[in-house]
């Protein structure tokens, strides 16, 4: 890519930076609640453990039950390990 930039532009130099990326291992699962199934994303690594429900699933439950997303999230946290 650098050779193409030097060949086809008026620049006389190109900088390159190498970056390392650290990521958590990801897993997807489904939990069953009184409001129906909800897809869950779990991320782990480096001593970190995160669990998050899929936004679209929470939004659908909120819309179907005339609730706010905050209310649904609160109920899910009390019913499960979110």
N, C-alpha and C. Protein backbone atom coordinates (compact mmCIF):
# COMPACT_ATOMS: atom_id res chain seq x y z
N UNK A 1 0.83 -1.18 0.00
CA UNK A 1 0.00 0.00 0.00
C UNK A 1 0.88 1.25 0.00
N UNK A 2 1.94 1.24 0.82
CA UNK A 2 2.83 2.40 0.87
C UNK A 2 3.43 2.68 -0.50
N UNK A 3 3.83 1.64 -1.22
CA UNK A 3 4.40 1.83 -2.55
C UNK A 3 3.40 2.49 -3.49
N UNK A 4 2.14 2.10 -3.41
CA UNK A 4 1.11 2.71 -4.25
C UNK A 4 0.89 4.18 -3.90
N UNK A 5 0.89 4.49 -2.61
CA UNK A 5 0.73 5.88 -2.18
C UNK A 5 1.89 6.72 -2.70
N UNK A 6 3.10 6.23 -2.56
CA UNK A 6 4.28 6.98 -3.03
C UNK A 6 4.27 7.14 -4.54
N UNK A 7 3.82 6.13 -5.25
CA UNK A 7 3.81 6.16 -6.71
C UNK A 7 2.73 7.08 -7.27
N UNK A 8 1.56 7.09 -6.63
CA UNK A 8 0.41 7.77 -7.22
C UNK A 8 0.01 9.09 -6.55
N UNK A 9 0.78 9.56 -5.59
CA UNK A 9 0.50 10.85 -4.95
C UNK A 9 1.76 11.71 -4.97
N UNK A 10 1.62 12.95 -4.52
CA UNK A 10 2.78 13.85 -4.49
C UNK A 10 3.57 13.75 -3.19
N UNK A 11 3.17 12.88 -2.28
CA UNK A 11 3.85 12.77 -1.00
C UNK A 11 5.26 12.18 -1.16
N UNK A 12 6.15 12.53 -0.24
CA UNK A 12 7.50 11.98 -0.29
C UNK A 12 7.77 11.04 0.90
N UNK A 13 6.73 10.76 1.68
CA UNK A 13 6.90 9.88 2.83
C UNK A 13 5.57 9.34 3.34
N UNK A 14 5.61 8.16 3.91
CA UNK A 14 4.43 7.52 4.49
C UNK A 14 4.82 6.97 5.85
N UNK A 15 4.02 7.26 6.86
CA UNK A 15 4.27 6.71 8.20
C UNK A 15 3.48 5.43 8.39
N UNK A 16 4.08 4.54 9.14
CA UNK A 16 3.43 3.27 9.45
C UNK A 16 3.48 3.06 10.96
N UNK A 17 2.36 2.66 11.53
CA UNK A 17 2.29 2.34 12.96
C UNK A 17 1.73 0.94 13.11
N UNK A 18 2.37 0.15 13.92
CA UNK A 18 1.89 -1.20 14.22
C UNK A 18 1.20 -1.15 15.59
N UNK A 19 -0.02 -1.65 15.65
CA UNK A 19 -0.78 -1.66 16.89
C UNK A 19 -1.13 -3.09 17.27
N UNK A 20 -1.15 -3.35 18.55
CA UNK A 20 -1.58 -4.64 19.07
C UNK A 20 -2.97 -4.46 19.65
N UNK A 21 -3.84 -5.42 19.41
CA UNK A 21 -5.20 -5.32 19.92
C UNK A 21 -5.45 -6.46 20.91
N UNK A 22 -6.02 -6.10 22.04
CA UNK A 22 -6.39 -7.09 23.05
C UNK A 22 -7.91 -7.19 23.05
N UNK A 23 -8.42 -8.39 22.93
CA UNK A 23 -9.87 -8.58 22.90
C UNK A 23 -10.29 -9.62 23.92
N UNK A 24 -11.54 -9.53 24.30
CA UNK A 24 -12.13 -10.51 25.20
C UNK A 24 -12.73 -11.63 24.34
N UNK A 25 -12.73 -12.84 24.88
CA UNK A 25 -13.40 -13.95 24.19
C UNK A 25 -14.90 -13.74 24.29
N UNK A 26 -15.59 -13.95 23.19
CA UNK A 26 -17.03 -13.69 23.14
C UNK A 26 -17.81 -14.98 22.98
N UNK A 27 -19.00 -14.98 23.59
CA UNK A 27 -19.89 -16.13 23.52
C UNK A 27 -21.32 -15.61 23.44
N UNK A 28 -22.15 -16.26 22.67
CA UNK A 28 -23.56 -15.88 22.57
C UNK A 28 -24.41 -17.02 23.12
N UNK A 29 -25.48 -16.65 23.83
CA UNK A 29 -26.40 -17.65 24.37
C UNK A 29 -27.79 -17.05 24.43
N UNK A 30 -28.74 -17.84 24.84
CA UNK A 30 -30.13 -17.38 24.97
C UNK A 30 -30.62 -17.75 26.36
N UNK A 31 -31.28 -16.78 27.02
CA UNK A 31 -31.93 -17.09 28.29
C UNK A 31 -33.43 -17.00 28.06
N UNK A 32 -34.17 -17.77 28.83
CA UNK A 32 -35.63 -17.76 28.69
C UNK A 32 -36.21 -17.07 29.92
N UNK A 33 -37.02 -16.05 29.66
CA UNK A 33 -37.63 -15.27 30.74
C UNK A 33 -39.13 -15.35 30.63
N UNK A 34 -39.81 -14.75 31.58
CA UNK A 34 -41.27 -14.68 31.54
C UNK A 34 -41.78 -13.86 30.37
N UNK A 35 -40.90 -13.07 29.77
CA UNK A 35 -41.26 -12.24 28.61
C UNK A 35 -40.84 -12.86 27.29
N UNK A 36 -40.19 -14.01 27.35
CA UNK A 36 -39.73 -14.68 26.14
C UNK A 36 -38.22 -14.81 26.13
N UNK A 37 -37.68 -15.40 25.07
CA UNK A 37 -36.23 -15.59 24.99
C UNK A 37 -35.49 -14.28 24.72
N UNK A 38 -34.30 -14.16 25.29
CA UNK A 38 -33.46 -12.98 25.09
C UNK A 38 -32.05 -13.47 24.78
N UNK A 39 -31.49 -12.95 23.70
CA UNK A 39 -30.12 -13.29 23.34
C UNK A 39 -29.15 -12.54 24.25
N UNK A 40 -28.14 -13.24 24.73
CA UNK A 40 -27.16 -12.69 25.67
C UNK A 40 -25.76 -12.79 25.06
N UNK A 41 -24.98 -11.73 25.22
CA UNK A 41 -23.58 -11.74 24.79
C UNK A 41 -22.70 -11.74 26.05
N UNK A 42 -21.77 -12.69 26.13
CA UNK A 42 -20.86 -12.78 27.26
C UNK A 42 -19.43 -12.60 26.75
N UNK A 43 -18.66 -11.75 27.43
CA UNK A 43 -17.26 -11.51 27.07
C UNK A 43 -16.40 -11.75 28.30
N UNK A 44 -15.27 -12.47 28.09
CA UNK A 44 -14.39 -12.79 29.21
C UNK A 44 -12.93 -12.73 28.79
N UNK A 45 -12.07 -12.42 29.77
CA UNK A 45 -10.64 -12.45 29.56
C UNK A 45 -9.95 -11.39 30.40
N UNK A 46 -8.65 -11.60 30.69
CA UNK A 46 -7.86 -10.64 31.46
C UNK A 46 -8.50 -10.30 32.80
N UNK A 47 -9.20 -11.26 33.41
CA UNK A 47 -9.85 -11.03 34.69
C UNK A 47 -11.14 -10.24 34.60
N UNK A 48 -11.68 -10.09 33.41
CA UNK A 48 -12.90 -9.31 33.17
C UNK A 48 -14.01 -10.27 32.74
N UNK A 49 -15.22 -10.03 33.21
CA UNK A 49 -16.39 -10.82 32.81
C UNK A 49 -17.54 -9.84 32.59
N UNK A 50 -18.05 -9.78 31.35
CA UNK A 50 -19.15 -8.87 31.01
C UNK A 50 -20.31 -9.66 30.42
N UNK A 51 -21.53 -9.28 30.78
CA UNK A 51 -22.73 -9.91 30.24
C UNK A 51 -23.66 -8.80 29.80
N UNK A 52 -24.19 -8.93 28.58
CA UNK A 52 -25.07 -7.88 28.05
C UNK A 52 -26.17 -8.51 27.21
N UNK A 53 -27.40 -8.05 27.41
CA UNK A 53 -28.53 -8.53 26.63
C UNK A 53 -28.57 -7.80 25.29
N UNK A 54 -29.07 -8.48 24.28
CA UNK A 54 -29.19 -7.89 22.94
C UNK A 54 -30.24 -6.78 22.98
N UNK A 55 -29.86 -5.60 22.53
CA UNK A 55 -30.73 -4.42 22.60
C UNK A 55 -32.06 -4.66 21.89
N UNK A 56 -32.03 -5.26 20.70
CA UNK A 56 -33.26 -5.45 19.92
C UNK A 56 -34.26 -6.31 20.68
N UNK A 57 -33.78 -7.31 21.41
CA UNK A 57 -34.67 -8.17 22.19
C UNK A 57 -35.32 -7.40 23.34
N UNK A 58 -34.52 -6.57 24.03
CA UNK A 58 -35.06 -5.76 25.13
C UNK A 58 -36.05 -4.73 24.59
N UNK A 59 -35.72 -4.12 23.46
CA UNK A 59 -36.61 -3.11 22.87
C UNK A 59 -37.94 -3.73 22.46
N UNK A 60 -37.90 -4.95 21.91
CA UNK A 60 -39.15 -5.61 21.51
C UNK A 60 -40.02 -5.92 22.72
N UNK A 61 -39.41 -6.42 23.78
CA UNK A 61 -40.16 -6.71 25.01
C UNK A 61 -40.77 -5.42 25.56
N UNK A 62 -39.99 -4.35 25.57
CA UNK A 62 -40.49 -3.06 26.07
C UNK A 62 -41.69 -2.59 25.25
N UNK A 63 -41.57 -2.67 23.93
CA UNK A 63 -42.67 -2.21 23.06
C UNK A 63 -43.91 -3.08 23.24
N UNK A 64 -43.71 -4.40 23.26
CA UNK A 64 -44.85 -5.33 23.38
C UNK A 64 -45.57 -5.21 24.71
N UNK A 65 -44.87 -4.78 25.76
CA UNK A 65 -45.46 -4.72 27.10
C UNK A 65 -45.66 -3.30 27.61
N UNK A 66 -45.55 -2.31 26.72
CA UNK A 66 -45.73 -0.90 27.06
C UNK A 66 -44.87 -0.51 28.27
N UNK A 67 -43.58 -0.87 28.19
CA UNK A 67 -42.63 -0.58 29.25
C UNK A 67 -41.45 0.18 28.65
N UNK A 68 -40.66 0.81 29.51
CA UNK A 68 -39.44 1.44 29.04
C UNK A 68 -38.33 0.39 28.99
N UNK A 69 -37.30 0.70 28.22
CA UNK A 69 -36.14 -0.20 28.15
C UNK A 69 -35.51 -0.32 29.53
N UNK A 70 -35.49 0.76 30.27
CA UNK A 70 -34.93 0.74 31.63
C UNK A 70 -35.71 -0.22 32.53
N UNK A 71 -37.05 -0.20 32.42
CA UNK A 71 -37.86 -1.11 33.24
C UNK A 71 -37.58 -2.57 32.89
N UNK A 72 -37.49 -2.86 31.59
CA UNK A 72 -37.22 -4.24 31.16
C UNK A 72 -35.85 -4.68 31.65
N UNK A 73 -34.86 -3.82 31.50
CA UNK A 73 -33.50 -4.14 31.95
C UNK A 73 -33.47 -4.41 33.44
N UNK A 74 -34.19 -3.61 34.22
CA UNK A 74 -34.23 -3.80 35.68
C UNK A 74 -34.87 -5.16 36.02
N UNK A 75 -35.96 -5.49 35.35
CA UNK A 75 -36.64 -6.77 35.59
C UNK A 75 -35.71 -7.93 35.23
N UNK A 76 -35.02 -7.83 34.11
CA UNK A 76 -34.11 -8.90 33.70
C UNK A 76 -32.97 -9.08 34.69
N UNK A 77 -32.47 -7.99 35.23
CA UNK A 77 -31.38 -8.08 36.20
C UNK A 77 -31.84 -8.78 37.48
N UNK A 78 -33.09 -8.56 37.87
CA UNK A 78 -33.59 -9.21 39.09
C UNK A 78 -33.93 -10.68 38.84
N UNK A 79 -34.36 -11.02 37.59
CA UNK A 79 -34.73 -12.40 37.26
C UNK A 79 -33.52 -13.28 36.93
N UNK A 80 -32.46 -12.68 36.40
CA UNK A 80 -31.34 -13.50 35.91
C UNK A 80 -30.01 -12.92 36.37
N UNK A 81 -28.92 -13.42 35.80
CA UNK A 81 -27.58 -13.00 36.18
C UNK A 81 -27.04 -11.85 35.33
N UNK A 82 -27.89 -11.06 34.75
CA UNK A 82 -27.42 -9.93 33.91
C UNK A 82 -26.85 -8.82 34.76
